[in-house]
Protein backbone atom coordinates (compact mmCIF):
# COMPACT_ATOMS: atom_id res chain seq x y z
CA MET A 1 115.02 62.53 -32.51
CA LYS A 2 112.65 60.72 -30.13
CA PHE A 3 110.00 60.35 -33.09
CA ALA A 4 112.45 58.30 -34.84
CA TRP A 5 113.15 55.93 -32.49
CA ILE A 6 109.13 55.72 -31.65
CA ALA A 7 108.72 55.28 -35.26
CA GLU A 8 111.34 52.35 -35.35
CA HIS A 9 109.78 50.59 -32.27
CA THR A 10 105.80 50.87 -33.05
CA GLU A 11 105.69 46.99 -33.49
CA ALA A 12 107.64 46.58 -29.61
CA PHE A 13 105.75 48.90 -27.60
CA PRO A 14 102.52 50.85 -27.48
CA ILE A 15 103.03 54.51 -29.11
CA ARG A 16 101.48 56.45 -26.45
CA ALA A 17 103.52 54.58 -23.83
CA MET A 18 106.46 55.65 -25.64
CA CYS A 19 105.35 59.44 -25.92
CA ARG A 20 104.60 59.26 -21.98
CA VAL A 21 107.97 57.71 -21.20
CA LEU A 22 110.06 60.27 -23.84
CA SER A 23 107.90 63.22 -22.72
CA VAL A 24 106.76 64.12 -25.90
CA SER A 25 102.72 64.41 -27.02
CA THR A 26 101.18 61.85 -29.00
CA ALA A 27 99.85 64.44 -31.64
CA GLY A 28 102.83 65.42 -32.09
CA PHE A 29 104.73 62.28 -33.33
CA TYR A 30 101.64 61.79 -35.81
CA ALA A 31 102.37 65.08 -36.81
CA TRP A 32 105.86 64.18 -37.18
CA ARG A 33 105.26 60.95 -39.10
CA THR A 34 103.38 62.60 -42.11
CA ARG A 35 105.23 65.91 -42.52
CA PRO A 36 107.69 65.34 -45.47
CA VAL A 37 111.52 65.08 -44.51
CA CYS A 38 114.56 65.92 -46.37
CA VAL A 39 117.44 63.62 -47.36
CA ARG A 40 119.87 64.78 -44.49
CA ALA A 41 117.16 64.45 -42.13
CA GLN A 42 115.97 61.36 -42.92
CA ARG A 43 119.63 60.50 -42.46
CA LEU A 44 120.24 62.27 -38.79
CA ALA A 45 116.56 60.83 -37.79
CA GLU A 46 117.68 57.24 -38.79
CA LEU A 47 120.97 57.75 -36.95
CA ALA A 48 118.96 59.18 -33.93
CA ALA A 49 117.14 55.95 -33.82
CA LYS A 50 120.53 53.52 -33.97
CA ILE A 51 121.57 55.88 -31.28
CA ALA A 52 118.45 55.73 -29.11
CA ALA A 53 118.42 51.68 -29.73
CA ALA A 54 122.09 51.45 -28.79
CA HIS A 55 121.74 53.52 -25.24
CA VAL A 56 118.71 51.47 -24.27
CA ASP A 57 120.69 48.26 -25.14
CA SER A 58 122.94 49.39 -22.86
CA ARG A 59 120.46 49.91 -19.99
CA CYS A 60 121.22 53.65 -20.47
CA THR A 61 124.44 53.55 -19.69
CA TYR A 62 126.81 54.40 -22.36
CA GLY A 63 127.95 57.73 -23.39
CA SER A 64 129.05 59.03 -26.85
CA PRO A 65 132.42 57.29 -26.67
CA ARG A 66 130.88 53.74 -26.57
CA ILE A 67 127.77 54.41 -28.47
CA THR A 68 130.07 55.17 -31.13
CA ARG A 69 131.83 51.70 -30.63
CA GLU A 70 128.69 49.97 -30.33
CA LEU A 71 127.80 51.63 -34.01
CA ALA A 72 130.54 50.56 -35.41
CA ALA A 73 130.33 47.04 -34.62
CA GLN A 74 126.94 47.46 -36.44
CA GLY A 75 128.54 48.62 -38.97
CA VAL A 76 127.63 52.45 -38.69
CA LYS A 77 130.14 54.52 -39.33
CA VAL A 78 129.66 57.89 -37.79
CA CYS A 79 132.24 60.03 -35.48
CA GLU A 80 132.39 60.41 -31.74
CA ASN A 81 131.45 64.21 -32.30
CA THR A 82 128.40 63.61 -34.53
CA VAL A 83 126.98 61.06 -31.84
CA ALA A 84 127.67 63.41 -29.10
CA LYS A 85 125.60 66.03 -31.19
CA VAL A 86 122.83 63.79 -31.77
CA MET A 87 122.76 62.79 -28.18
CA LYS A 88 122.33 66.08 -26.81
CA GLN A 89 119.58 67.29 -29.23
CA ALA A 90 117.69 63.86 -28.41
CA GLU A 91 118.57 64.51 -24.74
CA ILE A 92 120.12 60.95 -24.73
CA ARG A 93 122.36 61.15 -21.20
CA ALA A 94 124.18 58.04 -19.46
CA ASN A 95 122.64 57.65 -15.83
CA VAL A 96 124.73 59.37 -13.48
CA ARG A 97 123.79 59.66 -9.93
CA ARG A 98 125.57 59.15 -6.34
CA GLY A 99 124.64 58.21 -3.21
CA PHE A 100 125.43 57.40 0.61
CA VAL A 101 128.63 55.39 1.30
CA PRO A 102 128.59 53.29 4.46
CA ALA A 103 132.09 52.11 5.59
CA THR A 104 132.74 48.02 4.56
CA THR A 105 135.91 48.13 5.84
CA ASP A 106 137.14 47.69 9.23
CA SER A 107 140.74 47.72 9.37
CA SER A 108 141.29 48.22 13.26
CA HIS A 109 142.08 44.57 14.23
CA ARG A 110 145.11 42.76 15.26
CA HIS A 111 145.57 40.45 12.32
CA PRO A 112 148.81 40.91 10.49
CA ILE A 113 148.93 42.92 7.26
CA ALA A 114 150.52 42.10 4.32
CA GLY A 115 152.48 44.57 2.55
CA ASN A 116 151.72 46.29 -0.67
CA VAL A 117 153.23 44.01 -3.39
CA LEU A 118 150.91 45.04 -6.32
CA ASP A 119 151.89 48.90 -5.79
CA ARG A 120 149.47 50.08 -7.81
CA ASP A 121 150.77 47.96 -10.98
CA PHE A 122 147.15 47.56 -12.52
CA THR A 123 148.68 45.48 -15.73
CA ALA A 124 148.91 41.69 -16.52
CA SER A 125 149.84 40.05 -19.39
CA ALA A 126 147.82 37.01 -19.00
CA PRO A 127 144.81 36.17 -17.23
CA ASN A 128 144.80 34.78 -13.55
CA GLN A 129 147.88 36.72 -12.91
CA LYS A 130 146.85 39.47 -10.72
CA TRP A 131 143.23 39.27 -9.07
CA VAL A 132 142.23 42.46 -7.01
CA CYS A 133 138.99 42.09 -4.28
CA ASP A 134 136.86 44.42 -2.17
CA ILE A 135 133.30 44.82 -1.34
CA THR A 136 130.52 47.19 -1.37
CA TYR A 137 126.95 47.77 -0.29
CA ILE A 138 123.54 47.61 -1.89
CA PRO A 139 120.58 49.40 0.04
CA THR A 140 116.97 47.24 -0.02
CA GLY A 141 113.79 47.61 1.84
CA GLU A 142 115.17 44.71 3.97
CA GLY A 143 118.45 46.39 5.20
CA TRP A 144 121.86 46.45 3.84
CA LEU A 145 123.08 43.68 1.19
CA TYR A 146 126.91 43.31 0.68
CA LEU A 147 128.58 42.26 -2.55
CA ALA A 148 132.02 40.91 -2.64
CA ALA A 149 134.09 40.72 -5.77
CA VAL A 150 137.08 39.32 -7.26
CA ILE A 151 138.24 40.86 -10.26
CA ASP A 152 141.32 39.75 -12.80
CA LEU A 153 142.99 42.51 -14.00
CA PHE A 154 144.17 41.07 -17.36
CA SER A 155 140.61 41.51 -18.53
CA ARG A 156 138.96 43.57 -15.86
CA LYS A 157 136.30 40.24 -15.77
CA VAL A 158 134.64 39.33 -12.38
CA VAL A 159 135.75 36.14 -11.82
CA GLY A 160 134.02 35.88 -8.40
CA TRP A 161 131.58 37.44 -6.52
CA SER A 162 128.78 36.64 -3.41
CA MET A 163 126.18 38.35 -1.67
CA ALA A 164 125.29 37.90 2.15
CA ASP A 165 123.33 40.37 4.47
CA HIS A 166 126.51 40.45 6.73
CA LEU A 167 130.27 41.41 6.79
CA ARG A 168 131.80 37.95 7.90
CA VAL A 169 134.60 36.19 6.48
CA ASP A 170 132.27 33.89 4.63
CA LEU A 171 131.38 36.46 1.93
CA VAL A 172 135.01 37.24 1.02
CA LYS A 173 135.84 33.55 1.22
CA ASP A 174 132.70 32.42 -0.98
CA ALA A 175 133.52 35.16 -3.72
CA LEU A 176 137.25 33.79 -3.85
CA SER A 177 136.04 29.99 -3.62
CA MET A 178 133.87 31.02 -6.94
CA ALA A 179 136.88 32.84 -8.66
CA ILE A 180 139.30 29.81 -7.42
CA GLN A 181 136.48 27.21 -9.03
CA ASN A 182 135.62 29.29 -12.18
CA ARG A 183 139.56 29.80 -13.40
CA ASN A 184 141.59 27.37 -11.58
CA PRO A 185 144.65 29.66 -11.35
CA ALA A 186 148.33 28.31 -10.62
CA ALA A 187 150.26 29.16 -7.54
CA GLY A 188 151.65 32.24 -7.14
CA LEU A 189 148.81 34.52 -8.55
CA LEU A 190 148.86 38.09 -6.53
CA HIS A 191 145.88 38.68 -4.29
CA HIS A 192 145.13 42.35 -3.55
CA SER A 193 142.62 43.68 -1.51
CA ASP A 194 142.35 46.17 1.56
CA ARG A 195 143.37 45.53 5.14
CA GLY A 196 139.43 44.59 5.90
CA VAL A 197 139.57 42.27 8.85
CA GLN A 198 137.62 39.64 6.33
CA TYR A 199 140.78 39.75 4.43
CA ALA A 200 143.33 39.87 6.94
CA CYS A 201 141.29 37.04 9.49
CA GLY A 202 143.19 33.89 9.84
CA GLU A 203 140.31 31.96 8.26
CA TYR A 204 140.98 33.75 4.81
CA GLN A 205 144.69 33.87 4.63
CA GLN A 206 144.37 29.92 5.25
CA LEU A 207 142.52 29.44 2.11
CA LEU A 208 145.01 31.93 0.46
CA ASP A 209 148.14 29.81 1.55
CA GLU A 210 146.24 26.52 0.28
CA GLN A 211 146.01 28.36 -3.18
CA LYS A 212 149.59 29.54 -2.52
CA PHE A 213 148.67 33.00 -3.37
CA VAL A 214 150.90 35.85 -2.81
CA CYS A 215 149.03 38.23 -0.62
CA SER A 216 148.84 41.94 -1.25
CA MET A 217 147.10 44.78 0.59
CA SER A 218 146.73 48.74 0.24
CA ARG A 219 147.82 51.21 2.57
CA THR A 220 145.70 52.99 4.98
CA GLY A 221 142.85 54.90 3.89
CA ASN A 222 144.47 54.91 0.26
CA CYS A 223 141.74 54.05 -2.23
CA TYR A 224 144.01 54.35 -5.15
CA ASP A 225 146.27 51.39 -4.25
CA ASN A 226 143.10 49.40 -5.26
CA ALA A 227 141.71 51.70 -7.98
CA VAL A 228 140.71 49.19 -10.19
CA ALA A 229 138.06 47.69 -7.63
CA GLU A 230 136.88 50.96 -6.76
CA SER A 231 136.26 52.04 -10.44
CA PHE A 232 134.37 48.87 -10.81
CA PHE A 233 132.38 49.63 -7.87
CA GLY A 234 131.85 53.26 -9.12
CA THR A 235 130.42 51.63 -12.35
CA PHE A 236 128.19 49.16 -10.69
CA LYS A 237 126.75 51.83 -8.82
CA THR A 238 125.99 54.38 -10.94
CA GLU A 239 124.71 52.02 -13.67
CA LEU A 240 122.66 49.78 -11.60
CA VAL A 241 122.44 50.40 -8.08
CA TYR A 242 121.24 53.67 -8.22
CA GLN A 243 118.84 53.70 -10.48
CA GLU A 244 116.80 51.00 -9.03
CA GLN A 245 115.02 50.87 -5.57
CA TYR A 246 115.00 46.93 -4.24
CA ALA A 247 112.19 46.18 -2.26
CA THR A 248 113.71 42.68 -0.86
CA HIS A 249 117.19 40.91 -0.77
CA ALA A 250 115.85 38.59 -3.84
CA GLN A 251 115.61 41.45 -6.12
CA ALA A 252 118.51 42.87 -5.31
CA ARG A 253 120.64 39.49 -6.18
CA ALA A 254 118.72 38.77 -8.97
CA SER A 255 119.03 41.85 -10.47
CA VAL A 256 122.93 41.82 -9.66
CA PHE A 257 123.32 38.40 -11.29
CA GLU A 258 122.18 39.77 -14.36
CA TYR A 259 124.10 42.97 -14.41
CA ILE A 260 127.47 41.42 -13.61
CA GLU A 261 127.01 38.02 -15.38
CA VAL A 262 125.16 39.01 -18.62
CA PHE A 263 126.07 42.78 -19.26
CA TYR A 264 129.02 43.83 -17.59
CA ASN A 265 131.55 40.54 -18.50
CA ARG A 266 129.38 39.57 -21.55
CA LYS A 267 128.69 42.55 -23.06
CA ARG A 268 129.72 46.04 -21.58
CA ARG A 269 132.03 48.14 -23.64
CA HIS A 270 135.29 48.78 -21.64
CA SER A 271 137.51 51.51 -22.67
CA SER A 272 140.72 50.10 -21.19
CA LEU A 273 140.04 46.87 -23.06
CA GLY A 274 139.77 49.25 -26.57
CA TYR A 275 135.88 49.04 -26.13
CA VAL A 276 135.27 45.64 -26.25
CA SER A 277 133.50 43.24 -23.27
CA PRO A 278 135.72 41.07 -20.85
CA GLU A 279 134.85 38.01 -22.35
CA THR A 280 135.33 39.36 -25.94
CA PHE A 281 138.93 40.46 -24.94
CA GLU A 282 139.94 37.01 -23.44
CA ALA A 283 138.62 35.26 -26.03
CA SER A 284 140.53 37.17 -28.68
CA LEU A 285 143.69 35.39 -26.85
CA ASN A 286 142.52 32.16 -28.38
């Protein structure tokens, strides 16, 4: 299966380099290429090559369900069980890795706390009805870098985000301001976050009041109240952060920009959206 992928990409990459990356011998590849194959084996080899290409194109993040949908979009009809079997034989796996999680939420403050208006209803019938917000961390050689994100519950699209080397209110204000500028939402939008001081402080609440947003906050220590934001950051860490080692903040910023704006919003297939991207899902409204 690996040999088939190498054969399909000989014009793009050196054969020795591909063999080294895929942990196969160069001699074995040349022997395989000269060996006669039956029709069924040829078809499986062609399928394996398409699967490998789709996997690489997904930044090595897709498992068999998303690979199956990606192939279907290319006009390749194959069942998920077959894709899973071929991936297992070819040792093609989605990236999975976990790491240390530092605290980003400080709820020990005296600012007023909003009730949980969202109440775990993560559905929306149109864009800009409900936004959820949260903060996560990114380790670099220059210290922690923090990412604040605003997600539209209708399409799971990241509509606003910002990065900084601190956890002050400017971090979350910049993300919300980006979302407002990008989407121009109407009054009455439901804004949900945790009880962190960044979201509860007067400066941030003033911005919500100016926009006439409805403020909602999770209960203390209950991650399920903001499950969609938690899920996004889990995906973000698994598919990007845990696979990289950033030497500088600048490297991390460039990588995060590419992941959110190029891959996640416009390309990544979401199971909750019928395996299309947020951009495609929103475009289907038109």
